[in-house]
C-alpha atoms as a PDB file:
ATOM      1  CA  MET A   1      13.377 -22.928  33.293  1.00  0.00           C
ATOM      2  CA  PRO A   2      13.401 -21.803  29.620  1.00  0.00           C
ATOM      3  CA  ALA A   3      10.463 -19.821  28.345  1.00  0.00           C
ATOM      4  CA  GLU A   4       7.928 -21.569  26.132  1.00  0.00           C
ATOM      5  CA  PRO A   5       8.134 -20.510  22.491  1.00  0.00           C
ATOM      6  CA  VAL A   6       5.483 -17.985  21.604  1.00  0.00           C
ATOM      7  CA  GLU A   7       3.679 -18.524  18.316  1.00  0.00           C
ATOM      8  CA  SER A   8       3.577 -15.264  16.407  1.00  0.00           C
ATOM      9  CA  THR A   9       0.232 -13.999  15.226  1.00  0.00           C
ATOM     10  CA  GLU A  10       1.978 -11.639  12.844  1.00  0.00           C
ATOM     11  CA  PRO A  11       2.376 -12.597   9.194  1.00  0.00           C
ATOM     12  CA  PRO A  12       5.922 -13.551   8.179  1.00  0.00           C
ATOM     13  CA  GLU A  13       7.994 -10.579   6.989  1.00  0.00           C
ATOM     14  CA  THR A  14       9.586 -12.596   4.201  1.00  0.00           C
ATOM     15  CA  PRO A  15       7.569 -14.660   1.712  1.00  0.00           C
ATOM     16  CA  VAL A  16       7.473 -18.306   2.790  1.00  0.00           C
ATOM     17  CA  VAL A  17       7.276 -21.237   0.398  1.00  0.00           C
ATOM     18  CA  LEU A  18       5.437 -24.213   1.900  1.00  0.00           C
ATOM     19  CA  PHE A  19       6.303 -27.486   0.180  1.00  0.00           C
ATOM     20  CA  ASP A  20       5.814 -31.206   0.627  1.00  0.00           C
ATOM     21  CA  GLY A  21       8.952 -32.137   2.547  1.00  0.00           C
ATOM     22  CA  VAL A  22       8.913 -35.809   1.556  1.00  0.00           C
ATOM     23  CA  CYS A  23       8.310 -35.261  -2.173  1.00  0.00           C
ATOM     24  CA  ASN A  24      11.422 -35.608  -4.334  1.00  0.00           C
ATOM     25  CA  LEU A  25      10.012 -33.243  -6.983  1.00  0.00           C
ATOM     26  CA  CYS A  26       9.161 -30.616  -4.372  1.00  0.00           C
ATOM     27  CA  ASN A  27      12.603 -30.895  -2.790  1.00  0.00           C
ATOM     28  CA  GLY A  28      14.131 -30.557  -6.259  1.00  0.00           C
ATOM     29  CA  VAL A  29      12.159 -27.341  -6.798  1.00  0.00           C
ATOM     30  CA  ILE A  30      13.470 -25.948  -3.498  1.00  0.00           C
ATOM     31  CA  GLN A  31      17.033 -26.938  -4.490  1.00  0.00           C
ATOM     32  CA  PHE A  32      16.431 -25.095  -7.783  1.00  0.00           C
ATOM     33  CA  LEU A  33      15.133 -21.954  -6.043  1.00  0.00           C
ATOM     34  CA  ILE A  34      17.817 -21.514  -3.380  1.00  0.00           C
ATOM     35  CA  PRO A  35      20.777 -20.650  -5.663  1.00  0.00           C
ATOM     36  CA  ARG A  36      18.547 -18.413  -7.782  1.00  0.00           C
ATOM     37  CA  ASP A  37      17.710 -16.351  -4.698  1.00  0.00           C
ATOM     38  CA  PRO A  38      21.140 -15.378  -3.353  1.00  0.00           C
ATOM     39  CA  GLU A  39      19.617 -12.470  -1.386  1.00  0.00           C
ATOM     40  CA  GLY A  40      17.379 -14.880   0.530  1.00  0.00           C
ATOM     41  CA  ARG A  41      14.110 -13.169  -0.394  1.00  0.00           C
ATOM     42  CA  LEU A  42      12.280 -16.461   0.169  1.00  0.00           C
ATOM     43  CA  LYS A  43      12.043 -18.620   3.277  1.00  0.00           C
ATOM     44  CA  TYR A  44      10.961 -22.246   3.249  1.00  0.00           C
ATOM     45  CA  ALA A  45       9.012 -24.649   5.435  1.00  0.00           C
ATOM     46  CA  ALA A  46       7.845 -28.183   4.824  1.00  0.00           C
ATOM     47  CA  LEU A  47       4.079 -28.603   4.996  1.00  0.00           C
ATOM     48  CA  GLN A  48       4.694 -31.302   7.619  1.00  0.00           C
ATOM     49  CA  SER A  49       6.818 -29.078   9.895  1.00  0.00           C
ATOM     50  CA  GLU A  50       5.489 -27.155  12.906  1.00  0.00           C
ATOM     51  CA  PRO A  51       5.958 -23.775  11.169  1.00  0.00           C
ATOM     52  CA  GLY A  52       4.346 -25.152   8.003  1.00  0.00           C
ATOM     53  CA  GLN A  53       1.379 -26.514   9.925  1.00  0.00           C
ATOM     54  CA  ALA A  54       0.991 -23.220  11.821  1.00  0.00           C
ATOM     55  CA  LEU A  55       0.967 -21.214   8.577  1.00  0.00           C
ATOM     56  CA  LEU A  56      -1.553 -23.584   6.995  1.00  0.00           C
ATOM     57  CA  GLU A  57      -3.814 -23.200  10.031  1.00  0.00           C
ATOM     58  CA  ARG A  58      -3.380 -19.421  10.115  1.00  0.00           C
ATOM     59  CA  HIS A  59      -4.593 -19.200   6.518  1.00  0.00           C
ATOM     60  CA  ASP A  60      -7.405 -21.766   6.891  1.00  0.00           C
ATOM     61  CA  PHE A  61      -5.828 -24.481   4.768  1.00  0.00           C
ATOM     62  CA  PRO A  62      -6.189 -28.147   5.723  1.00  0.00           C
ATOM     63  CA  THR A  63      -3.219 -29.456   7.676  1.00  0.00           C
ATOM     64  CA  GLU A  64      -3.541 -33.099   6.602  1.00  0.00           C
ATOM     65  CA  GLU A  65      -3.660 -34.527   3.093  1.00  0.00           C
ATOM     66  CA  PHE A  66      -2.723 -31.143   1.694  1.00  0.00           C
ATOM     67  CA  ASP A  67      -0.895 -31.506  -1.609  1.00  0.00           C
ATOM     68  CA  SER A  68      -0.378 -28.000  -2.873  1.00  0.00           C
ATOM     69  CA  PHE A  69       2.597 -25.753  -3.051  1.00  0.00           C
ATOM     70  CA  VAL A  70       1.790 -22.561  -1.095  1.00  0.00           C
ATOM     71  CA  LEU A  71       3.391 -19.143  -1.009  1.00  0.00           C
ATOM     72  CA  VAL A  72       2.560 -17.040   2.029  1.00  0.00           C
ATOM     73  CA  GLU A  73       3.356 -13.391   1.407  1.00  0.00           C
ATOM     74  CA  GLY A  74       2.167 -11.256   4.308  1.00  0.00           C
ATOM     75  CA  GLU A  75      -1.572 -11.812   4.545  1.00  0.00           C
ATOM     76  CA  LYS A  76      -1.798 -13.081   0.955  1.00  0.00           C
ATOM     77  CA  THR A  77      -1.514 -16.695  -0.064  1.00  0.00           C
ATOM     78  CA  TYR A  78      -0.918 -18.232  -3.466  1.00  0.00           C
ATOM     79  CA  THR A  79      -1.413 -21.880  -4.333  1.00  0.00           C
ATOM     80  CA  LYS A  80      -0.698 -24.178  -7.242  1.00  0.00           C
ATOM     81  CA  SER A  81       0.201 -22.361 -10.471  1.00  0.00           C
ATOM     82  CA  GLY A  82      -0.403 -18.970  -8.853  1.00  0.00           C
ATOM     83  CA  ALA A  83       2.297 -19.718  -6.274  1.00  0.00           C
ATOM     84  CA  ALA A  84       4.755 -20.817  -8.952  1.00  0.00           C
ATOM     85  CA  ILE A  85       4.188 -17.661 -10.992  1.00  0.00           C
ATOM     86  CA  ARG A  86       4.470 -15.349  -7.976  1.00  0.00           C
ATOM     87  CA  ILE A  87       7.698 -17.046  -6.839  1.00  0.00           C
ATOM     88  CA  ALA A  88       9.154 -16.539 -10.335  1.00  0.00           C
ATOM     89  CA  GLU A  89       8.216 -12.848 -10.128  1.00  0.00           C
ATOM     90  CA  ILE A  90       9.947 -12.518  -6.758  1.00  0.00           C
ATOM     91  CA  LEU A  91      13.111 -14.093  -8.178  1.00  0.00           C
ATOM     92  CA  GLY A  92      13.238 -11.430 -10.892  1.00  0.00           C
ATOM     93  CA  TRP A  93      14.718 -11.636 -14.365  1.00  0.00           C
ATOM     94  CA  PRO A  94      14.718 -14.008 -16.238  1.00  0.00           C
ATOM     95  CA  TYR A  95      12.256 -16.025 -14.101  1.00  0.00           C
ATOM     96  CA  ARG A  96       9.821 -13.112 -13.951  1.00  0.00           C
ATOM     97  CA  ILE A  97       8.876 -13.887 -17.538  1.00  0.00           C
ATOM     98  CA  ALA A  98       6.782 -16.783 -16.149  1.00  0.00           C
ATOM     99  CA  GLY A  99       4.230 -14.080 -15.337  1.00  0.00           C
ATOM    100  CA  VAL A 100       3.013 -14.353 -18.923  1.00  0.00           C
ATOM    101  CA  GLY A 101       1.515 -17.646 -17.767  1.00  0.00           C
ATOM    102  CA  ARG A 102      -1.306 -15.590 -16.315  1.00  0.00           C
ATOM    103  CA  VAL A 103      -2.747 -15.258 -19.829  1.00  0.00           C
ATOM    104  CA  VAL A 104      -3.696 -18.931 -19.521  1.00  0.00           C
ATOM    105  CA  PRO A 105      -6.904 -19.139 -17.479  1.00  0.00           C
ATOM    106  CA  ARG A 106      -6.213 -20.241 -13.915  1.00  0.00           C
ATOM    107  CA  PRO A 107      -8.458 -23.345 -14.097  1.00  0.00           C
ATOM    108  CA  ILE A 108      -6.380 -24.637 -17.017  1.00  0.00           C
ATOM    109  CA  ARG A 109      -3.046 -23.815 -15.326  1.00  0.00           C
ATOM    110  CA  ASP A 110      -4.190 -25.417 -12.081  1.00  0.00           C
ATOM    111  CA  ARG A 111      -5.459 -28.513 -13.880  1.00  0.00           C
ATOM    112  CA  LEU A 112      -1.952 -29.073 -15.264  1.00  0.00           C
ATOM    113  CA  TYR A 113      -0.489 -28.415 -11.805  1.00  0.00           C
ATOM    114  CA  GLU A 114      -2.905 -30.942 -10.254  1.00  0.00           C
ATOM    115  CA  PHE A 115      -2.016 -33.572 -12.865  1.00  0.00           C
ATOM    116  CA  VAL A 116       1.664 -33.315 -11.943  1.00  0.00           C
ATOM    117  CA  ALA A 117       0.871 -33.153  -8.195  1.00  0.00           C
ATOM    118  CA  ASP A 118      -1.313 -36.258  -8.398  1.00  0.00           C
ATOM    119  CA  ASN A 119       1.521 -38.217 -10.051  1.00  0.00           C
ATOM    120  CA  ARG A 120       4.588 -36.722  -8.364  1.00  0.00           C
ATOM    121  CA  TYR A 121       5.301 -39.666  -6.041  1.00  0.00           C
ATOM    122  CA  ASP A 122       4.948 -42.202  -8.870  1.00  0.00           C
ATOM    123  CA  TRP A 123       7.177 -40.208 -11.218  1.00  0.00           C
ATOM    124  CA  PHE A 124       9.774 -38.780  -8.806  1.00  0.00           C
ATOM    125  CA  GLY A 125       9.448 -40.843  -5.613  1.00  0.00           C
ATOM    126  CA  ARG A 126       9.311 -39.776  -2.012  1.00  0.00           C
ATOM    127  CA  LYS A 127      11.620 -39.607   0.973  1.00  0.00           C
ATOM    128  CA  ASP A 128      11.068 -41.273   4.340  1.00  0.00           C
ATOM    129  CA  GLN A 129      11.533 -37.951   6.101  1.00  0.00           C
ATOM    130  CA  CYS A 130      11.661 -34.252   5.308  1.00  0.00           C
ATOM    131  CA  MET A 131      14.870 -32.892   3.858  1.00  0.00           C
ATOM    132  CA  ILE A 132      17.462 -31.412   6.175  1.00  0.00           C
ATOM    133  CA  PRO A 133      18.866 -28.203   4.700  1.00  0.00           C
ATOM    134  CA  ASP A 134      22.586 -27.697   4.274  1.00  0.00           C
ATOM    135  CA  GLU A 135      24.153 -25.579   6.992  1.00  0.00           C
ATOM    136  CA  ASP A 136      24.897 -22.699   4.607  1.00  0.00           C
ATOM    137  CA  VAL A 137      21.169 -22.202   3.832  1.00  0.00           C
ATOM    138  CA  SER A 138      19.564 -23.461   7.054  1.00  0.00           C
ATOM    139  CA  ASP A 139      18.684 -19.876   8.037  1.00  0.00           C
ATOM    140  CA  ARG A 140      16.230 -19.808   5.101  1.00  0.00           C
ATOM    141  CA  PHE A 141      14.176 -22.647   6.603  1.00  0.00           C
ATOM    142  CA  LEU A 142      11.653 -21.923   9.338  1.00  0.00           C
ATOM    143  CA  SER A 143      12.109 -24.057  12.410  1.00  0.00           C
END
């Protein structure tokens, strides 16, 4: 009889991007990130997936009706505009320049983020199910 999977209590070693797996905009962002990270410094998990749900729980985020982009980096988490800026910094030059966005106060940055998030399904649509990664990058997705 195979052993039951053991849920790790350790933080992920590689930063993990949690995204809305049925959102076309969110999937487009992931498709944008993957080729710009040829070293695979980022891993990915849909918010709706088991690993995504486990990471949300681990960091005390709601697991239902959660509409933010999240970056989990060790014990730290970044959401909304903070996650986008930190991901750009991880990618390096020229994306790192997005760090200048920190001069804009976070409430203003996050307000813009929330405006787009609130309208993303109307503007970009949604899928019936979470994306299935291509075989050549499937190792970057938590399962």
